[in-house]
Amino acid sequence: MKGSNFDATQAQVVVSKDGREVAKLTPEKRTYIISTMPTTEAAIDPSLMRDVYVALGEPIADGSNQWALRIYVKPLIRWIWLGAIIMALGGLISMLDKRYRIKKLKLRC
């Protein structure tokens, strides 16, 4: 695959569970033309209960069409972000409580 400033090798990975297709992922290994620096573009299948990450590694042998893959399954990773959002909302709601506001002092002359 050719981009505007890079050449890429792309894999197509089908993720299945119990014989049922869950996702089609396309990780890439990109080489940028100017710097000739290779980078890995991971493919992610997000879900509320788990995330699947697939990253394309290096060719197993020179001139071979076989590549190493790194596959990670991260269960409940979205709940970390959901917990942070709930805590932020709790902080905002607590700021609206009148008991915690600074009272203005009336000056008498």
N, C-alpha and C. Protein backbone atom coordinates (compact mmCIF):
# COMPACT_ATOMS: atom_id res chain seq x y z
N MET A 1 0.85 -1.17 0.00
CA MET A 1 0.00 0.00 0.00
C MET A 1 0.89 1.23 0.00
N LYS A 2 0.53 2.22 -0.78
CA LYS A 2 1.29 3.46 -0.84
C LYS A 2 0.43 4.61 -0.31
N GLY A 3 1.03 5.38 0.59
CA GLY A 3 0.39 6.58 1.08
C GLY A 3 1.05 7.79 0.45
N SER A 4 0.70 8.97 0.91
CA SER A 4 1.27 10.18 0.34
C SER A 4 2.76 10.32 0.65
N ASN A 5 3.19 9.87 1.83
CA ASN A 5 4.60 9.99 2.20
C ASN A 5 5.16 8.71 2.82
N PHE A 6 4.51 7.56 2.57
CA PHE A 6 5.00 6.31 3.15
C PHE A 6 4.63 5.13 2.25
N ASP A 7 5.37 4.05 2.42
CA ASP A 7 5.03 2.74 1.85
C ASP A 7 4.62 1.85 3.02
N ALA A 8 3.61 1.03 2.83
CA ALA A 8 3.11 0.22 3.94
C ALA A 8 2.90 -1.23 3.51
N THR A 9 3.17 -2.12 4.43
CA THR A 9 2.79 -3.52 4.31
C THR A 9 1.63 -3.73 5.26
N GLN A 10 0.55 -4.26 4.73
CA GLN A 10 -0.68 -4.38 5.52
C GLN A 10 -1.10 -5.84 5.61
N ALA A 11 -1.53 -6.26 6.79
CA ALA A 11 -2.04 -7.61 6.99
C ALA A 11 -3.53 -7.53 7.25
N GLN A 12 -4.22 -8.58 6.92
CA GLN A 12 -5.64 -8.68 7.25
C GLN A 12 -5.80 -9.85 8.21
N VAL A 13 -6.30 -9.54 9.40
CA VAL A 13 -6.44 -10.53 10.47
C VAL A 13 -7.92 -10.65 10.80
N VAL A 14 -8.43 -11.87 10.78
CA VAL A 14 -9.82 -12.11 11.16
C VAL A 14 -9.81 -12.69 12.58
N VAL A 15 -10.50 -12.01 13.49
CA VAL A 15 -10.60 -12.46 14.87
C VAL A 15 -11.92 -13.20 15.01
N SER A 16 -11.86 -14.41 15.56
CA SER A 16 -13.08 -15.18 15.75
C SER A 16 -13.13 -15.76 17.15
N LYS A 17 -14.35 -16.00 17.61
CA LYS A 17 -14.57 -16.63 18.91
C LYS A 17 -15.65 -17.68 18.73
N ASP A 18 -15.35 -18.90 19.13
CA ASP A 18 -16.27 -20.03 19.00
C ASP A 18 -16.74 -20.21 17.55
N GLY A 19 -15.83 -19.96 16.60
CA GLY A 19 -16.15 -20.14 15.19
C GLY A 19 -16.93 -18.99 14.57
N ARG A 20 -17.24 -17.98 15.35
CA ARG A 20 -17.99 -16.82 14.87
C ARG A 20 -17.06 -15.63 14.72
N GLU A 21 -17.11 -14.97 13.56
CA GLU A 21 -16.23 -13.84 13.31
C GLU A 21 -16.60 -12.65 14.20
N VAL A 22 -15.59 -12.14 14.89
CA VAL A 22 -15.79 -11.00 15.79
C VAL A 22 -15.37 -9.70 15.12
N ALA A 23 -14.22 -9.73 14.43
CA ALA A 23 -13.72 -8.50 13.82
C ALA A 23 -12.74 -8.81 12.71
N LYS A 24 -12.59 -7.85 11.79
CA LYS A 24 -11.54 -7.88 10.78
C LYS A 24 -10.62 -6.71 11.05
N LEU A 25 -9.36 -6.99 11.29
CA LEU A 25 -8.39 -5.95 11.63
C LEU A 25 -7.30 -5.88 10.58
N THR A 26 -6.78 -4.68 10.35
CA THR A 26 -5.73 -4.48 9.35
C THR A 26 -4.56 -3.69 9.94
N PRO A 27 -3.63 -4.37 10.62
CA PRO A 27 -2.44 -3.67 11.12
C PRO A 27 -1.48 -3.39 9.97
N GLU A 28 -0.62 -2.38 10.15
CA GLU A 28 0.32 -1.98 9.11
C GLU A 28 1.72 -1.82 9.66
N LYS A 29 2.68 -2.01 8.77
CA LYS A 29 4.08 -1.66 9.05
C LYS A 29 4.43 -0.62 7.99
N ARG A 30 4.65 0.61 8.42
CA ARG A 30 4.91 1.71 7.50
C ARG A 30 6.38 2.10 7.49
N THR A 31 6.88 2.44 6.31
CA THR A 31 8.22 3.01 6.16
C THR A 31 8.05 4.37 5.49
N TYR A 32 8.44 5.41 6.20
CA TYR A 32 8.29 6.76 5.67
C TYR A 32 9.43 7.06 4.70
N ILE A 33 9.10 7.70 3.59
CA ILE A 33 10.03 7.89 2.49
C ILE A 33 11.18 8.81 2.87
N ILE A 34 10.93 9.89 3.55
CA ILE A 34 11.97 10.86 3.88
C ILE A 34 12.95 10.30 4.91
N SER A 35 12.45 9.77 5.99
CA SER A 35 13.33 9.33 7.08
C SER A 35 13.69 7.85 7.01
N THR A 36 13.03 7.09 6.18
CA THR A 36 13.18 5.62 6.09
C THR A 36 13.07 4.96 7.46
N MET A 37 12.28 5.57 8.33
CA MET A 37 12.07 5.04 9.67
C MET A 37 10.80 4.18 9.68
N PRO A 38 10.91 2.89 10.04
CA PRO A 38 9.70 2.05 10.08
C PRO A 38 8.88 2.31 11.35
N THR A 39 7.57 2.27 11.20
CA THR A 39 6.67 2.40 12.35
C THR A 39 5.60 1.33 12.24
N THR A 40 4.98 1.03 13.35
CA THR A 40 3.92 0.04 13.39
C THR A 40 2.60 0.73 13.70
N GLU A 41 1.61 0.48 12.89
CA GLU A 41 0.26 0.99 13.12
C GLU A 41 -0.59 -0.18 13.59
N ALA A 42 -0.91 -0.20 14.86
CA ALA A 42 -1.69 -1.30 15.43
C ALA A 42 -3.15 -1.15 15.04
N ALA A 43 -3.82 -2.28 14.90
CA ALA A 43 -5.26 -2.30 14.65
C ALA A 43 -5.94 -2.65 15.98
N ILE A 44 -7.02 -1.93 16.29
CA ILE A 44 -7.69 -2.10 17.57
C ILE A 44 -9.18 -2.36 17.32
N ASP A 45 -9.69 -3.38 18.00
CA ASP A 45 -11.13 -3.65 18.00
C ASP A 45 -11.65 -3.33 19.40
N PRO A 46 -12.24 -2.13 19.58
CA PRO A 46 -12.71 -1.76 20.92
C PRO A 46 -14.07 -2.36 21.24
N SER A 47 -14.25 -2.67 22.51
CA SER A 47 -15.52 -3.19 23.00
C SER A 47 -15.64 -2.81 24.47
N LEU A 48 -16.83 -2.83 25.01
CA LEU A 48 -17.02 -2.48 26.41
C LEU A 48 -16.41 -3.52 27.34
N MET A 49 -16.39 -4.77 26.93
CA MET A 49 -15.88 -5.84 27.77
C MET A 49 -14.42 -6.21 27.52
N ARG A 50 -13.88 -5.87 26.32
CA ARG A 50 -12.48 -6.19 26.02
C ARG A 50 -12.04 -5.39 24.80
N ASP A 51 -10.73 -5.19 24.66
CA ASP A 51 -10.12 -4.61 23.47
C ASP A 51 -9.16 -5.63 22.90
N VAL A 52 -9.11 -5.74 21.58
CA VAL A 52 -8.16 -6.62 20.91
C VAL A 52 -7.22 -5.73 20.11
N TYR A 53 -5.91 -5.86 20.37
CA TYR A 53 -4.88 -5.12 19.66
C TYR A 53 -4.09 -6.11 18.81
N VAL A 54 -3.85 -5.78 17.54
CA VAL A 54 -3.02 -6.60 16.67
C VAL A 54 -1.96 -5.69 16.06
N ALA A 55 -0.69 -6.08 16.21
CA ALA A 55 0.42 -5.31 15.66
C ALA A 55 1.25 -6.22 14.76
N LEU A 56 1.64 -5.70 13.63
CA LEU A 56 2.46 -6.44 12.69
C LEU A 56 3.91 -6.29 13.10
N GLY A 57 4.60 -7.42 13.29
CA GLY A 57 6.00 -7.40 13.72
C GLY A 57 6.95 -7.29 12.55
N GLU A 58 7.92 -8.17 12.51
CA GLU A 58 8.94 -8.19 11.46
C GLU A 58 8.79 -9.46 10.63
N PRO A 59 9.33 -9.46 9.39
CA PRO A 59 9.32 -10.70 8.62
C PRO A 59 10.13 -11.78 9.33
N ILE A 60 9.65 -13.01 9.27
CA ILE A 60 10.33 -14.10 9.96
C ILE A 60 11.65 -14.44 9.28
N ALA A 61 11.69 -14.43 7.95
CA ALA A 61 12.91 -14.70 7.20
C ALA A 61 13.01 -13.71 6.04
N ASP A 62 14.24 -13.44 5.58
CA ASP A 62 14.42 -12.51 4.45
C ASP A 62 13.76 -13.07 3.20
N GLY A 63 13.00 -12.23 2.53
CA GLY A 63 12.32 -12.64 1.32
C GLY A 63 11.10 -13.51 1.56
N SER A 64 10.72 -13.71 2.79
CA SER A 64 9.58 -14.55 3.13
C SER A 64 8.32 -13.72 3.20
N ASN A 65 7.20 -14.36 2.98
CA ASN A 65 5.91 -13.69 3.10
C ASN A 65 5.28 -13.97 4.47
N GLN A 66 6.04 -14.52 5.40
CA GLN A 66 5.55 -14.83 6.74
C GLN A 66 6.04 -13.75 7.70
N TRP A 67 5.11 -13.26 8.53
CA TRP A 67 5.41 -12.17 9.45
C TRP A 67 5.05 -12.58 10.87
N ALA A 68 5.72 -11.97 11.82
CA ALA A 68 5.37 -12.16 13.23
C ALA A 68 4.22 -11.21 13.57
N LEU A 69 3.30 -11.69 14.38
CA LEU A 69 2.17 -10.87 14.84
C LEU A 69 2.20 -10.80 16.36
N ARG A 70 1.83 -9.65 16.89
CA ARG A 70 1.62 -9.52 18.33
C ARG A 70 0.13 -9.26 18.52
N ILE A 71 -0.49 -10.12 19.30
CA ILE A 71 -1.93 -10.02 19.55
C ILE A 71 -2.14 -9.90 21.05
N TYR A 72 -2.85 -8.85 21.46
CA TYR A 72 -3.14 -8.63 22.87
C TYR A 72 -4.64 -8.55 23.05
N VAL A 73 -5.14 -9.20 24.08
CA VAL A 73 -6.55 -9.08 24.48
C VAL A 73 -6.54 -8.44 25.86
N LYS A 74 -7.12 -7.27 25.97
CA LYS A 74 -7.16 -6.51 27.22
C LYS A 74 -8.59 -6.47 27.74
N PRO A 75 -8.93 -7.33 28.70
CA PRO A 75 -10.31 -7.34 29.21
C PRO A 75 -10.59 -6.12 30.09
N LEU A 76 -11.78 -5.57 29.94
CA LEU A 76 -12.32 -4.48 30.77
C LEU A 76 -11.47 -3.22 30.77
N ILE A 77 -10.68 -2.98 29.73
CA ILE A 77 -9.80 -1.80 29.69
C ILE A 77 -10.62 -0.50 29.57
N ARG A 78 -11.76 -0.56 28.93
CA ARG A 78 -12.61 0.63 28.80
C ARG A 78 -13.18 1.08 30.14
N TRP A 79 -13.28 0.17 31.09
CA TRP A 79 -13.82 0.51 32.41
C TRP A 79 -12.89 1.44 33.17
N ILE A 80 -11.60 1.44 32.84
CA ILE A 80 -10.67 2.39 33.47
C ILE A 80 -11.08 3.80 33.09
N TRP A 81 -11.33 4.03 31.79
CA TRP A 81 -11.74 5.36 31.33
C TRP A 81 -13.13 5.70 31.86
N LEU A 82 -14.02 4.75 31.90
CA LEU A 82 -15.36 5.00 32.42
C LEU A 82 -15.30 5.40 33.88
N GLY A 83 -14.44 4.75 34.66
CA GLY A 83 -14.27 5.11 36.07
C GLY A 83 -13.75 6.52 36.24
N ALA A 84 -12.80 6.94 35.39
CA ALA A 84 -12.28 8.31 35.46
C ALA A 84 -13.36 9.33 35.12
N ILE A 85 -14.20 9.01 34.16
CA ILE A 85 -15.29 9.93 33.79
C ILE A 85 -16.30 10.03 34.92
N ILE A 86 -16.63 8.92 35.56
CA ILE A 86 -17.57 8.94 36.69
C ILE A 86 -17.00 9.75 37.86
N MET A 87 -15.70 9.61 38.13
CA MET A 87 -15.09 10.40 39.21
C MET A 87 -15.13 11.89 38.89
N ALA A 88 -14.87 12.26 37.62
CA ALA A 88 -14.91 13.67 37.23
C ALA A 88 -16.32 14.22 37.37
N LEU A 89 -17.32 13.44 36.97
CA LEU A 89 -18.71 13.88 37.14
C LEU A 89 -19.07 14.04 38.62
N GLY A 90 -18.58 13.14 39.46
CA GLY A 90 -18.82 13.27 40.90
C GLY A 90 -18.21 14.54 41.46
N GLY A 91 -17.01 14.89 40.99
CA GLY A 91 -16.38 16.14 41.43
C GLY A 91 -17.17 17.36 40.99
N LEU A 92 -17.67 17.34 39.76
CA LEU A 92 -18.47 18.46 39.27
C LEU A 92 -19.78 18.60 40.05
N ILE A 93 -20.42 17.50 40.33
CA ILE A 93 -21.67 17.54 41.09
C ILE A 93 -21.43 18.04 42.51
N SER A 94 -20.32 17.63 43.12
CA SER A 94 -20.04 18.08 44.49
C SER A 94 -19.73 19.58 44.53
N MET A 95 -19.21 20.14 43.44
CA MET A 95 -18.95 21.59 43.41
C MET A 95 -20.24 22.39 43.39
N LEU A 96 -21.34 21.78 42.99
CA LEU A 96 -22.62 22.48 42.93
C LEU A 96 -23.31 22.54 44.30
N ASP A 97 -22.83 21.80 45.28
CA ASP A 97 -23.43 21.77 46.61
C ASP A 97 -23.16 23.10 47.32
N LYS A 98 -24.20 23.74 47.83
CA LYS A 98 -24.08 25.05 48.46
C LYS A 98 -23.31 25.03 49.77
N ARG A 99 -23.24 23.90 50.41
CA ARG A 99 -22.52 23.81 51.70
C ARG A 99 -21.03 24.03 51.54
N TYR A 100 -20.49 23.79 50.37
CA TYR A 100 -19.04 23.89 50.16
C TYR A 100 -18.61 25.19 49.50
N ARG A 101 -19.53 26.10 49.32
CA ARG A 101 -19.19 27.39 48.71
C ARG A 101 -18.67 28.36 49.77
N ILE A 102 -17.81 29.25 49.34
CA ILE A 102 -17.28 30.27 50.25
C ILE A 102 -18.34 31.36 50.40
N LYS A 103 -18.65 31.67 51.67
CA LYS A 103 -19.68 32.67 51.92
C LYS A 103 -19.07 34.06 51.87
N LYS A 104 -19.86 34.99 51.33
CA LYS A 104 -19.43 36.36 51.26
C LYS A 104 -19.67 37.03 52.61
N LEU A 105 -18.72 37.81 53.07
CA LEU A 105 -18.86 38.53 54.34
C LEU A 105 -19.43 39.91 54.07
N LYS A 106 -20.42 40.29 54.91
CA LYS A 106 -20.98 41.63 54.78
C LYS A 106 -20.22 42.56 55.70
N LEU A 107 -19.74 43.64 55.15
CA LEU A 107 -18.97 44.62 55.91
C LEU A 107 -19.92 45.70 56.42
N ARG A 108 -19.76 46.08 57.72
CA ARG A 108 -20.54 47.18 58.32
C ARG A 108 -19.61 48.34 58.52
N CYS A 109 -20.09 49.47 58.20
CA CYS A 109 -19.29 50.68 58.40
C CYS A 109 -19.85 51.56 59.49
